[in-house]
Protein backbone atom coordinates (compact mmCIF):
# COMPACT_ATOMS: atom_id res chain seq x y z
CA MET A 1 79.57 -65.53 79.98
CA GLU A 2 81.58 -67.93 82.10
CA GLN A 3 85.03 -66.90 83.20
CA PRO A 4 87.93 -69.14 82.07
CA ARG A 5 89.35 -71.32 84.84
CA THR A 6 92.49 -70.21 86.59
CA THR A 7 95.62 -72.31 86.35
CA LEU A 8 95.09 -73.46 89.95
CA ALA A 9 91.51 -74.54 89.15
CA GLU A 10 92.89 -76.51 86.18
CA ARG A 11 95.53 -78.20 88.40
CA ILE A 12 92.81 -79.07 90.93
CA ALA A 13 90.69 -80.63 88.15
CA GLU A 14 93.69 -82.67 86.97
CA GLN A 15 94.40 -83.89 90.51
CA ARG A 16 90.75 -84.81 91.11
CA ALA A 17 90.82 -86.80 87.84
CA GLY A 18 93.90 -88.67 89.05
CA LEU A 19 96.15 -87.09 86.41
CA GLY A 20 97.93 -84.34 88.27
CA ASP A 21 101.26 -84.05 90.02
CA PRO A 22 100.67 -83.22 93.72
CA ARG A 23 103.89 -81.18 93.91
CA ALA A 24 102.84 -79.10 90.88
CA LEU A 25 99.45 -78.55 92.51
CA VAL A 26 101.02 -77.28 95.74
CA GLY A 27 103.40 -75.06 93.77
CA GLU A 28 100.54 -73.58 91.77
CA MET A 29 98.55 -72.96 94.97
CA ARG A 30 101.51 -71.10 96.45
CA ARG A 31 101.86 -68.88 93.34
CA SER A 32 98.15 -68.17 92.95
CA VAL A 33 96.29 -65.13 94.19
CA LEU A 34 93.32 -66.45 96.14
CA LEU A 35 90.21 -64.59 97.29
CA VAL A 36 89.53 -65.08 101.00
CA PRO A 37 86.17 -63.85 102.34
CA SER A 38 86.36 -61.68 105.42
CA VAL A 39 83.90 -60.68 108.11
CA ASP A 40 84.66 -57.78 110.43
CA GLY A 41 88.26 -57.79 109.21
CA ARG A 42 88.81 -61.49 109.99
CA LEU A 43 89.44 -64.11 107.34
CA TRP A 44 86.65 -66.66 106.90
CA SER A 45 87.43 -70.11 108.23
CA ALA A 46 85.53 -73.22 109.26
CA HIS A 47 86.25 -76.14 111.58
CA SER A 48 86.05 -79.72 110.38
CA GLY A 49 87.82 -82.86 111.49
CA GLY A 50 89.81 -81.08 114.20
CA VAL A 51 91.27 -78.62 111.68
CA ARG A 52 90.52 -74.96 111.09
CA TRP A 53 90.25 -74.47 107.32
CA VAL A 54 90.93 -71.03 105.87
CA CYS A 55 88.46 -70.79 102.97
CA ALA A 56 89.75 -69.33 99.71
CA PHE A 57 88.56 -69.14 96.12
CA THR A 58 90.34 -69.21 92.77
CA ASP A 59 88.21 -66.47 91.19
CA GLU A 60 85.19 -64.23 91.72
CA THR A 61 82.80 -66.79 90.21
CA ALA A 62 83.81 -69.41 92.77
CA LEU A 63 83.58 -66.80 95.55
CA ALA A 64 80.09 -65.77 94.34
CA ARG A 65 78.87 -69.39 94.60
CA PHE A 66 80.00 -69.41 98.21
CA ALA A 67 78.51 -65.96 98.92
CA LEU A 68 75.06 -67.12 97.78
CA HIS A 69 74.86 -69.38 100.83
CA HIS A 70 77.14 -67.66 103.33
CA GLY A 71 77.18 -64.00 102.32
CA PRO A 72 75.84 -61.03 104.27
CA GLY A 73 72.50 -60.95 102.44
CA ASP A 74 72.01 -57.92 100.25
CA ARG A 75 75.55 -56.56 100.74
CA PRO A 76 78.62 -57.61 98.74
CA MET A 77 80.92 -60.04 100.50
CA GLU A 78 84.21 -58.47 101.50
CA TYR A 79 87.37 -60.39 100.71
CA ALA A 80 91.14 -60.17 100.71
CA ALA A 81 93.30 -61.16 97.73
CA LEU A 82 96.28 -63.10 99.09
CA LEU A 83 98.95 -65.31 97.62
CA GLY A 84 98.46 -68.94 98.57
CA ALA A 85 102.02 -68.91 99.95
CA ARG A 86 101.12 -66.08 102.31
CA ILE A 87 98.09 -67.98 103.57
CA VAL A 88 99.97 -71.22 104.32
CA ASP A 89 103.24 -69.58 105.44
CA GLU A 90 101.89 -66.66 107.51
CA VAL A 91 98.18 -66.96 108.25
CA VAL A 92 98.07 -70.66 109.11
CA PRO A 93 101.02 -70.49 111.57
CA GLY A 94 99.32 -67.51 113.27
CA LEU A 95 96.31 -69.60 114.20
CA ALA A 96 96.37 -71.28 117.60
CA GLU A 97 95.34 -74.70 116.28
CA PRO A 98 95.97 -77.10 113.38
CA ALA A 99 94.95 -75.23 110.23
CA GLY A 100 94.97 -75.75 106.49
CA LEU A 101 93.63 -74.21 103.31
CA ALA A 102 90.31 -75.15 101.67
CA VAL A 103 89.99 -73.93 98.07
CA ASP A 104 86.73 -73.50 96.12
CA ILE A 105 84.60 -75.31 98.70
CA ALA A 106 81.37 -74.17 97.04
CA SER A 107 82.31 -76.02 93.83
CA GLU A 108 81.20 -79.64 94.17
CA ASP A 109 83.61 -80.96 91.57
CA GLY A 110 86.35 -78.39 92.00
CA SER A 111 87.24 -78.16 95.68
CA MET A 112 90.64 -79.06 97.10
CA PHE A 113 91.96 -79.20 100.63
CA PHE A 114 95.58 -78.47 101.52
CA PRO A 115 95.99 -80.02 104.99
CA PRO A 116 98.38 -78.91 107.72
CA VAL A 117 101.16 -81.33 106.79
CA THR A 118 104.84 -81.09 105.86
CA GLY A 119 105.33 -79.72 102.38
CA ILE A 120 102.22 -77.55 102.55
CA VAL A 121 102.55 -75.60 105.80
CA PRO A 122 105.75 -74.76 107.72
CA ASP A 123 107.20 -77.74 109.59
CA GLY A 124 106.65 -76.06 112.98
CA VAL A 125 102.86 -76.16 112.52
CA ALA A 126 102.53 -79.34 110.46
CA VAL A 127 100.60 -82.04 112.32
CA ASP A 128 102.83 -84.80 110.95
CA THR A 129 106.04 -83.60 112.63
CA GLU A 130 107.28 -83.85 116.20
CA THR A 131 107.52 -80.06 116.49
CA ALA A 132 103.86 -79.48 115.61
CA GLY A 133 102.18 -77.37 118.22
CA GLU A 134 105.40 -75.81 119.48
CA GLY A 135 105.41 -72.09 118.92
CA ARG A 136 101.75 -71.84 117.93
CA GLY A 137 100.97 -68.19 118.29
CA ARG A 138 98.01 -65.92 118.41
CA GLY A 139 94.76 -66.50 116.59
CA ARG A 140 93.74 -64.44 113.59
């Protein structure tokens, strides 16, 4: 039996169909509990286009799709359940490079990227502000 989509997954689908409100999507991401895979206590991320993307999933089904290709084989994939706001407000600024949030990347028609720009991440780490790069701290 397939799990019902989360509200965030529904907002992503609306946005991908050209019907959604980007501000509502960002707000829903911030309020949502996301599942972030971890390896050796570190949150899973990937580099693409000069950005480190913290990978997160809206539910266990989306995480399982990802784990099929990137999981530790016969062991369950460990993950942390974090609010989207915590990821973009605390985790992203703690990385020593431009970073954003990639949601449901194993879902071809359901993925969404939240780039490191004003309105998504704190201004001090947004790449579209003059202060970007100042105060970048330790890596996670």
